[in-house]
Amino acid sequence: MRAHRRGPAVAAATLALIVGLPLLGTDVGHPAGAALAPGDRLQAPVGTTATGTLAPASTAELPTFSYSIKRIGPVRAERMSHTWRPGCPIGLGRLRFLRMTYYGFDTEAHQGRMVVRRRWAEPVVEVFRTAYDARFPIRRMWLVDRYEGSDAKSMDANNTSGFNCRLAEGGSHWSQHAYGAAIDVNPVQNPYVKGDIVLPEAGEDYVERTPRRKGMVTRKVRRAFTDIGWSWGGDFETLKDYQHFSASGG
């Protein structure tokens, strides 16, 4: 390729553009967002995409979806002490740590974190890619360790989450979350309902599913999970778990 000499003004403009672009990392050959704290906003500069290529300002309001998939290393394992321990039904080697872009309630792009079973890592990413492209709002996406492994606290915080080594609600057997094969989406807007029991309590206003409101599971999100072979708790007969999607249907 022939090199072209650039004047000082052009060089300065080029440097300014480069500095203004977000830093991207990669994993397993896919683009991933810069390492930000959970909930931090990701926003591409006006006139650019998340990969730094020029784009019309009208299409540059949010960065493109990005993600990474990583093994659970020693540091991450230590941080997961509230959600995984010896005796859990699945080992850390069969789990994967995901970083994914999600569309927030504030209409901004955020960097979320989630742990799921290795075999479901890529399919789950595709589900949330679909959700992001559809601008489906997610309140937050943190590991349940942030809530010391408490499902109740995670639900109260309206946290979208995956793996958590715990028993099923009201049961004595392992939840599908303990296998990394279940995800709860916006628990407040999509509560667990069994008779007079509503979890979390803030979900009372969303027991009635019509009209559809911000954060409530949409047909497009349900279809995205169905496309990877997962079932929706909103279809349960003896109770309704509107937030819950799982590989086994339980």
Protein backbone atom coordinates (compact mmCIF):
# COMPACT_ATOMS: atom_id res chain seq x y z
CA MET A 1 0.00 0.00 0.00
CA ARG A 2 1.38 3.44 -0.96
CA ALA A 3 2.04 5.76 1.97
CA HIS A 4 0.69 9.32 1.80
CA ARG A 5 2.24 12.25 3.60
CA ARG A 6 -0.15 14.14 5.85
CA GLY A 7 0.10 17.75 6.93
CA PRO A 8 0.01 18.84 10.62
CA ALA A 9 -3.68 19.78 10.51
CA VAL A 10 -4.74 16.38 9.11
CA ALA A 11 -2.54 14.50 11.59
CA ALA A 12 -4.01 16.44 14.51
CA ALA A 13 -7.56 15.74 13.34
CA THR A 14 -6.74 12.04 12.96
CA LEU A 15 -5.28 11.88 16.46
CA ALA A 16 -8.37 13.59 17.90
CA LEU A 17 -10.61 11.02 16.24
CA ILE A 18 -8.56 8.09 17.54
CA VAL A 19 -8.53 9.44 21.10
CA GLY A 20 -12.30 9.87 21.00
CA LEU A 21 -12.99 6.24 20.12
CA PRO A 22 -13.85 3.61 22.78
CA LEU A 23 -11.27 0.93 23.52
CA LEU A 24 -12.38 -2.55 22.49
CA GLY A 25 -11.11 -5.90 23.66
CA THR A 26 -11.58 -9.28 22.03
CA ASP A 27 -12.20 -12.84 23.14
CA VAL A 28 -12.72 -15.99 21.06
CA GLY A 29 -12.49 -13.81 17.98
CA HIS A 30 -15.48 -11.56 18.74
CA PRO A 31 -15.59 -7.83 19.58
CA ALA A 32 -16.09 -7.01 23.23
CA GLY A 33 -16.84 -3.77 25.03
CA ALA A 34 -14.19 -2.03 27.07
CA ALA A 35 -13.82 -3.31 30.61
CA LEU A 36 -16.24 -1.07 32.51
CA ALA A 37 -17.80 -1.46 35.92
CA PRO A 38 -21.29 -3.04 35.87
CA GLY A 39 -23.86 -0.47 34.81
CA ASP A 40 -21.34 1.92 33.23
CA ARG A 41 -22.60 3.47 30.03
CA LEU A 42 -21.18 2.58 26.64
CA GLN A 43 -21.71 5.27 24.04
CA ALA A 44 -20.01 5.71 20.70
CA PRO A 45 -18.91 9.23 19.75
CA VAL A 46 -21.29 11.04 17.40
CA GLY A 47 -20.54 10.09 13.82
CA THR A 48 -18.81 6.80 14.66
CA THR A 49 -19.75 3.21 15.39
CA ALA A 50 -18.36 1.22 18.33
CA THR A 51 -15.67 -0.14 16.02
CA GLY A 52 -14.51 3.33 15.08
CA THR A 53 -15.77 3.42 11.49
CA LEU A 54 -17.53 6.53 10.28
CA ALA A 55 -21.31 6.39 10.22
CA PRO A 56 -24.18 8.84 9.82
CA ALA A 57 -24.96 10.60 13.10
CA SER A 58 -28.54 9.25 12.97
CA THR A 59 -27.26 5.67 13.31
CA ALA A 60 -24.53 6.41 15.85
CA GLU A 61 -26.68 7.04 18.91
CA LEU A 62 -25.65 3.73 20.50
CA PRO A 63 -22.65 1.45 19.98
CA THR A 64 -23.08 -1.87 18.23
CA PHE A 65 -23.70 -4.90 20.43
CA SER A 66 -20.50 -6.45 21.79
CA TYR A 67 -19.62 -9.32 24.07
CA SER A 68 -16.92 -11.62 25.40
CA ILE A 69 -16.95 -15.17 26.75
CA LYS A 70 -14.30 -16.25 29.25
CA ARG A 71 -13.47 -19.17 31.51
CA ILE A 72 -13.88 -18.79 35.26
CA GLY A 73 -10.32 -18.10 36.39
CA PRO A 74 -9.01 -18.04 39.98
CA VAL A 75 -9.78 -14.33 40.51
CA ARG A 76 -13.33 -14.65 39.18
CA ALA A 77 -13.85 -17.86 41.16
CA GLU A 78 -12.92 -16.04 44.36
CA ARG A 79 -15.41 -13.29 43.54
CA MET A 80 -18.09 -15.92 43.00
CA SER A 81 -17.79 -17.33 46.52
CA HIS A 82 -21.42 -16.42 47.25
CA THR A 83 -22.89 -18.20 44.24
CA TRP A 84 -20.59 -21.22 43.85
CA ARG A 85 -19.06 -23.60 46.39
CA PRO A 86 -17.93 -27.23 46.52
CA GLY A 87 -20.96 -29.49 46.36
CA CYS A 88 -22.78 -27.45 43.71
CA PRO A 89 -24.19 -29.60 40.88
CA ILE A 90 -21.83 -28.11 38.28
CA GLY A 91 -18.13 -27.31 38.41
CA LEU A 92 -16.59 -23.94 37.59
CA GLY A 93 -14.90 -25.48 34.54
CA ARG A 94 -18.31 -25.94 32.93
CA LEU A 95 -19.35 -22.33 33.48
CA ARG A 96 -18.51 -19.24 31.44
CA PHE A 97 -18.36 -15.56 32.35
CA LEU A 98 -20.09 -13.26 29.85
CA ARG A 99 -19.82 -9.54 29.25
CA MET A 100 -22.62 -8.20 27.06
CA THR A 101 -23.97 -4.88 25.93
CA TYR A 102 -27.54 -4.22 27.04
CA TYR A 103 -30.04 -1.43 26.51
CA GLY A 104 -30.88 0.25 29.80
CA PHE A 105 -34.03 1.79 31.19
CA ASP A 106 -32.26 5.12 30.66
CA THR A 107 -32.08 4.41 26.87
CA GLU A 108 -28.28 4.17 27.07
CA ALA A 109 -25.98 1.21 26.33
CA HIS A 110 -24.43 -0.54 29.34
CA GLN A 111 -21.93 -3.32 29.96
CA GLY A 112 -23.52 -6.27 31.76
CA ARG A 113 -22.11 -9.39 33.40
CA MET A 114 -23.58 -12.88 33.61
CA VAL A 115 -22.46 -16.47 34.26
CA VAL A 116 -24.06 -19.38 32.40
CA ARG A 117 -23.23 -22.97 31.56
CA ARG A 118 -20.55 -23.34 28.87
CA ARG A 119 -22.84 -25.02 26.32
CA TRP A 120 -25.30 -22.11 26.55
CA ALA A 121 -22.81 -19.24 26.40
CA GLU A 122 -23.03 -18.53 22.65
CA PRO A 123 -26.82 -19.08 22.43
CA VAL A 124 -27.45 -16.77 25.41
CA VAL A 125 -25.31 -14.09 23.79
CA GLU A 126 -27.51 -14.32 20.69
CA VAL A 127 -30.63 -13.89 22.84
CA PHE A 128 -29.31 -10.68 24.35
CA ARG A 129 -28.05 -9.48 20.98
CA THR A 130 -31.65 -9.77 19.78
CA ALA A 131 -32.90 -7.96 22.89
CA TYR A 132 -30.39 -5.16 22.39
CA ASP A 133 -31.17 -4.76 18.70
CA ALA A 134 -34.87 -4.58 19.58
CA ARG A 135 -34.07 -1.96 22.25
CA PHE A 136 -35.64 -4.12 24.94
CA PRO A 137 -34.82 -2.30 28.23
CA ILE A 138 -32.99 -4.13 31.02
CA ARG A 139 -32.67 -2.48 34.43
CA ARG A 140 -29.31 -4.00 35.38
CA MET A 141 -27.20 -7.11 34.74
CA TRP A 142 -24.89 -8.04 37.59
CA LEU A 143 -23.71 -11.33 39.06
CA VAL A 144 -25.80 -12.41 42.04
CA ASP A 145 -22.60 -12.34 44.10
CA ARG A 146 -23.14 -8.60 44.33
CA TYR A 147 -26.12 -9.52 46.52
CA GLU A 148 -24.18 -12.15 48.47
CA GLY A 149 -25.94 -14.93 46.57
CA SER A 150 -29.39 -13.80 47.75
CA ASP A 151 -32.02 -14.38 45.09
CA ALA A 152 -34.45 -12.18 47.04
CA LYS A 153 -32.03 -9.22 47.08
CA SER A 154 -31.22 -9.70 43.42
CA MET A 155 -34.92 -9.66 42.53
CA ASP A 156 -35.56 -6.61 44.70
CA ALA A 157 -32.81 -4.82 42.77
CA ASN A 158 -34.53 -5.75 39.49
CA ASN A 159 -31.38 -7.57 38.43
CA THR A 160 -31.26 -9.73 35.30
CA SER A 161 -29.10 -12.73 36.22
CA GLY A 162 -28.07 -16.27 35.36
CA PHE A 163 -26.06 -18.73 37.46
CA ASN A 164 -26.64 -19.06 41.18
CA CYS A 165 -26.08 -22.30 43.10
CA ARG A 166 -29.38 -22.37 45.00
CA LEU A 167 -32.51 -24.43 45.46
CA ALA A 168 -35.65 -23.87 43.42
CA GLU A 169 -38.15 -21.40 44.90
CA GLY A 170 -40.17 -23.22 47.56
CA GLY A 171 -38.54 -26.57 46.75
CA SER A 172 -35.87 -28.95 48.01
CA HIS A 173 -34.17 -29.62 44.65
CA TRP A 174 -31.59 -27.61 42.75
CA SER A 175 -32.86 -24.72 40.67
CA GLN A 176 -31.90 -24.64 37.00
CA HIS A 177 -29.91 -21.56 37.95
CA ALA A 178 -27.60 -23.90 39.87
CA TYR A 179 -26.75 -25.59 36.56
CA GLY A 180 -26.17 -22.33 34.72
CA ALA A 181 -29.19 -23.11 32.55
CA ALA A 182 -31.67 -20.43 33.61
CA ILE A 183 -31.95 -16.65 33.42
CA ASP A 184 -34.28 -14.21 35.21
CA VAL A 185 -35.14 -11.05 33.26
CA ASN A 186 -36.26 -7.81 34.96
CA PRO A 187 -37.82 -9.52 38.04
CA VAL A 188 -39.84 -6.47 39.11
CA GLN A 189 -41.62 -6.10 35.77
CA ASN A 190 -41.84 -9.90 35.41
CA PRO A 191 -42.60 -11.28 38.90
CA TYR A 192 -42.96 -14.79 40.26
CA VAL A 193 -46.64 -15.33 41.08
CA LYS A 194 -48.09 -18.28 42.98
CA GLY A 195 -51.51 -17.70 44.52
CA ASP A 196 -51.17 -14.67 46.78
CA ILE A 197 -47.37 -14.82 46.69
CA VAL A 198 -45.68 -12.22 44.48
CA LEU A 199 -41.87 -12.03 44.31
CA PRO A 200 -40.43 -9.49 44.47
CA GLU A 201 -43.06 -7.46 46.29
CA ALA A 202 -42.43 -4.51 43.96
CA GLY A 203 -43.79 -6.73 41.18
CA GLU A 204 -47.36 -6.40 42.49
CA ASP A 205 -48.07 -3.72 39.92
CA TYR A 206 -47.07 -6.10 37.13
CA VAL A 207 -49.14 -9.15 38.03
CA GLU A 208 -51.70 -7.85 35.56
CA ARG A 209 -49.94 -8.32 32.24
CA THR A 210 -51.90 -5.83 30.22
CA PRO A 211 -51.28 -3.20 29.13
CA ARG A 212 -47.67 -4.02 28.38
CA ARG A 213 -45.25 -1.71 30.15
CA LYS A 214 -41.55 -0.90 30.01
CA GLY A 215 -39.37 -3.86 30.95
CA MET A 216 -42.07 -6.51 30.65
CA VAL A 217 -41.01 -9.52 28.59
CA THR A 218 -41.98 -9.07 24.95
CA ARG A 219 -42.83 -11.58 22.25
CA LYS A 220 -39.53 -10.90 20.55
CA VAL A 221 -37.58 -11.74 23.73
CA ARG A 222 -39.67 -14.86 24.30
CA ARG A 223 -39.07 -15.94 20.70
CA ALA A 224 -35.33 -15.38 21.06
CA PHE A 225 -35.24 -17.78 24.01
CA THR A 226 -37.52 -20.25 22.22
CA ASP A 227 -35.14 -20.21 19.25
CA ILE A 228 -32.35 -21.60 21.45
CA GLY A 229 -34.66 -24.25 22.92
CA TRP A 230 -35.48 -22.57 26.23
CA SER A 231 -38.91 -22.32 27.86
CA TRP A 232 -40.66 -19.43 29.60
CA GLY A 233 -41.96 -19.53 33.17
CA GLY A 234 -44.93 -17.44 32.10
CA ASP A 235 -46.31 -20.59 30.48
CA PHE A 236 -46.26 -22.62 33.73
CA GLU A 237 -49.69 -23.97 34.71
CA THR A 238 -49.57 -24.10 38.53
CA LEU A 239 -47.79 -20.74 38.89
CA LYS A 240 -46.39 -17.95 36.76
CA ASP A 241 -42.71 -17.10 36.78
CA TYR A 242 -42.68 -14.31 34.21
CA GLN A 243 -39.00 -13.47 34.70
CA HIS A 244 -37.76 -17.04 34.28
CA PHE A 245 -36.33 -18.72 31.18
CA SER A 246 -34.61 -22.10 31.33
CA ALA A 247 -33.20 -24.90 29.21
CA SER A 248 -35.20 -27.64 30.89
CA GLY A 249 -38.48 -25.78 31.25
CA GLY A 250 -38.28 -26.01 35.05
